[in-house]
Every structure is written in C-alpha cells, then in structure tokens.
Amino acid sequence: MAGEFLTACKFYFEADGITDKFIKEVGGLGVESTPAQDIHGSSKGGKIQRQATPTVVKFTNITLKLIATVDKDLYDWYQKCNEDMGDPRQWSQNRKTGSVVAYDQQGNEQARWNIINCYPCKYTGPTLTASGGDMANETIELVHEGVKRVK
C-alpha cells in the first residue's frame, strides 16, 4: 500500500530556538558516498574480479530561501558563527540541531529530515528593485555533520 504523496508546498524548517520563519525554499538535503576507484584484478585461474569500495560520506550544504521580515535572528546566527568583529567566532558553540518537516494537506507531519550540528556559512541579502513587486528574499546556507530522514 502506497503512503500519501508529499506535496512540495507544505514544509517547515526549525533549529533549536529558530522558529516561525516564512520559508520559501529548502534545497540540498543530500548525502553522497562516492565510491573509490573501481578495483580490478585477476585471481587464480584467470577469474577477473571487480569491486567498488565506498569512501567517506559527503554532505551537501543546505540552502534556505526565506521571505525577509523585520526578524533577523537567522542573520544574527550567521554573524555569531562567522564574523570577526573584535570577538572570536562562535561557530562551535552555536551549532544547532535542525529539521525540515513536510506536512500533508491536513497539516499532519508526514516526513522529517533531521540536520545534525548545523551552522550558517553563507548569508545573502535580498535584491531590492524600485520597479519590482516581488517579496524581498534572504538566503542562508548551512554546513552540517549529517542529514537523517527519521520519518
């Protein structure tokens, strides 16, 4: 029996005290284990052997695009972790456990990806144009130590 299809329009991001954001897009929930070069060889009797061996797992950075508001706690989080304005960077103590949650049409949680020890490594402010009618967007990129789909 197939489960309910997840729509791409009902989702949410949260991270230890960072909540109530208007998230427009989440990308980069990826994990990759690139195999080492194929190992080829020949054994007794001329039997050819081939083996692909996994290597270290790599995690892609997660990109959050959100609608800009007067709330700037994501920017403040970025600044604490990255900028040297007289104080040392505080990225280590500001790593957070985050989650991306997908909901069904009734608003029930249907899928969850937990993001382990994430912190922002890049912030991009909005492009503002006098003739534009679009909402101002901010983008924040998160580096992390793993993504696990738990639901």
Protein backbone atom coordinates (compact mmCIF):
# COMPACT_ATOMS: atom_id res chain seq x y z
CA MET A 1 0.00 0.00 0.00
CA ALA A 2 1.46 3.35 -1.04
CA GLY A 3 1.63 6.13 1.51
CA GLU A 4 0.34 9.62 0.98
CA PHE A 5 2.15 11.67 -1.64
CA LEU A 6 4.09 14.57 -0.17
CA THR A 7 3.44 17.92 -1.75
CA ALA A 8 6.36 20.27 -2.20
CA CYS A 9 4.43 23.22 -0.83
CA LYS A 10 3.80 22.27 2.81
CA PHE A 11 7.08 22.20 4.73
CA TYR A 12 8.90 23.93 7.55
CA PHE A 13 12.44 24.48 8.89
CA GLU A 14 13.36 24.80 12.54
CA ALA A 15 16.64 24.78 14.50
CA ASP A 16 17.00 24.95 18.30
CA GLY A 17 15.19 28.22 19.01
CA ILE A 18 14.87 29.37 15.39
CA THR A 19 11.17 29.07 14.55
CA ASP A 20 8.29 30.86 12.84
CA LYS A 21 10.13 31.63 9.62
CA PHE A 22 8.42 32.09 6.26
CA ILE A 23 10.45 29.56 4.29
CA LYS A 24 10.15 29.84 0.53
CA GLU A 25 12.51 27.03 -0.46
CA VAL A 26 14.78 24.39 1.06
CA GLY A 27 17.43 22.71 -1.09
CA GLY A 28 20.46 20.49 -0.64
CA LEU A 29 19.13 17.77 1.66
CA GLY A 30 21.70 15.43 0.20
CA VAL A 31 24.11 12.74 1.28
CA GLU A 32 26.71 11.22 -1.03
CA SER A 33 29.09 8.32 -0.66
CA THR A 34 31.31 8.40 -3.73
CA PRO A 35 32.92 5.02 -4.32
CA ALA A 36 36.68 4.72 -4.56
CA GLN A 37 38.10 3.92 -7.95
CA ASP A 38 36.95 0.52 -9.08
CA ILE A 39 39.44 -2.13 -8.08
CA HIS A 40 40.11 -4.61 -10.88
CA GLY A 41 42.16 -7.73 -10.55
CA SER A 42 42.63 -11.27 -11.69
CA SER A 43 42.69 -14.28 -9.40
CA LYS A 44 43.93 -17.85 -9.71
CA GLY A 45 42.52 -19.46 -12.82
CA GLY A 46 42.24 -16.12 -14.59
CA LYS A 47 38.93 -15.12 -12.94
CA ILE A 48 38.51 -11.34 -13.23
CA GLN A 49 37.37 -9.61 -10.07
CA ARG A 50 35.91 -6.13 -9.73
CA GLN A 51 34.98 -4.34 -6.53
CA ALA A 52 33.61 -0.86 -5.84
CA THR A 53 34.51 0.32 -2.35
CA PRO A 54 32.65 3.12 -0.54
CA THR A 55 34.60 6.08 0.78
CA VAL A 56 33.85 8.86 3.26
CA VAL A 57 30.30 10.21 3.22
CA LYS A 58 29.94 13.80 1.97
CA PHE A 59 27.11 16.15 2.85
CA THR A 60 25.96 18.94 0.58
CA ASN A 61 25.26 22.32 2.13
CA ILE A 62 21.60 23.07 2.75
CA THR A 63 20.19 26.27 1.31
CA LEU A 64 17.23 28.05 2.90
CA LYS A 65 15.48 30.79 0.97
CA LEU A 66 13.09 32.78 3.11
CA ILE A 67 10.88 35.81 2.84
CA ALA A 68 12.59 38.73 4.55
CA THR A 69 10.82 40.23 7.57
CA VAL A 70 11.85 42.53 10.40
CA ASP A 71 13.03 39.43 12.31
CA LYS A 72 16.78 38.96 11.82
CA ASP A 73 17.67 36.04 14.08
CA LEU A 74 18.95 33.90 11.16
CA TYR A 75 21.29 36.73 10.20
CA ASP A 76 22.36 37.15 13.84
CA TRP A 77 23.09 33.39 13.98
CA TYR A 78 25.23 33.72 10.83
CA GLN A 79 27.09 36.69 12.27
CA LYS A 80 27.86 34.92 15.58
CA CYS A 81 29.30 31.96 13.70
CA ASN A 82 31.35 33.74 11.06
CA GLU A 83 32.33 37.33 11.57
CA ASP A 84 35.38 38.53 13.50
CA MET A 85 34.27 41.93 14.73
CA GLY A 86 36.54 42.04 17.77
CA ASP A 87 35.10 38.85 19.27
CA PRO A 88 36.27 35.40 18.21
CA ARG A 89 33.96 33.37 16.01
CA GLN A 90 31.48 31.33 17.98
CA TRP A 91 30.54 28.69 15.42
CA SER A 92 31.33 25.72 17.65
CA GLN A 93 29.01 26.69 20.49
CA ASN A 94 26.30 27.89 18.06
CA ARG A 95 25.84 24.67 16.11
CA LYS A 96 22.21 23.63 16.19
CA THR A 97 20.11 20.58 15.52
CA GLY A 98 17.73 21.46 12.73
CA SER A 99 14.81 19.80 10.99
CA VAL A 100 12.93 20.07 7.73
CA VAL A 101 9.39 18.78 8.12
CA ALA A 102 6.87 18.01 5.37
CA TYR A 103 3.14 18.07 6.09
CA ASP A 104 0.08 16.54 4.44
CA GLN A 105 -2.96 18.56 3.36
CA GLN A 106 -4.50 18.29 6.85
CA GLY A 107 -1.35 19.73 8.48
CA ASN A 108 -0.09 16.45 9.94
CA GLU A 109 3.65 15.74 9.93
CA GLN A 110 4.43 13.11 7.29
CA ALA A 111 8.22 13.30 6.82
CA ARG A 112 11.15 14.71 8.80
CA TRP A 113 14.81 15.19 7.96
CA ASN A 114 16.99 15.97 10.98
CA ILE A 115 20.10 18.05 10.34
CA ILE A 116 22.97 17.36 12.72
CA ASN A 117 25.19 20.14 14.13
CA CYS A 118 24.39 22.77 11.51
CA TYR A 119 25.52 26.37 11.41
CA PRO A 120 25.27 29.05 8.71
CA CYS A 121 28.30 29.51 6.47
CA LYS A 122 26.81 31.96 3.94
CA TYR A 123 24.21 34.72 4.04
CA THR A 124 22.80 36.56 1.02
CA GLY A 125 20.52 39.54 1.46
CA PRO A 126 17.68 40.46 -0.87
CA THR A 127 17.88 42.07 -4.27
CA LEU A 128 15.83 45.24 -4.00
CA THR A 129 14.45 46.95 -7.09
CA ALA A 130 12.23 50.01 -7.22
CA SER A 131 10.14 48.59 -10.06
CA GLY A 132 9.83 45.07 -8.63
CA GLY A 133 6.73 43.72 -6.99
CA ASP A 134 8.31 40.59 -5.56
CA MET A 135 8.77 39.94 -1.88
CA ALA A 136 12.30 40.52 -0.57
CA ASN A 137 14.11 37.21 -0.01
CA GLU A 138 17.11 36.27 2.09
CA THR A 139 19.18 33.12 1.61
CA ILE A 140 21.21 31.31 4.22
CA GLU A 141 23.44 28.32 3.57
CA LEU A 142 24.03 25.73 6.29
CA VAL A 143 27.00 23.43 6.70
CA HIS A 144 26.31 20.35 8.82
CA GLU A 145 27.53 16.97 10.02
CA GLY A 146 24.73 14.86 8.58
CA VAL A 147 21.15 14.52 7.42
CA LYS A 148 18.93 11.70 8.59
CA ARG A 149 15.42 11.03 7.39
CA VAL A 150 13.67 9.91 10.57
CA LYS A 151 10.09 9.84 9.35
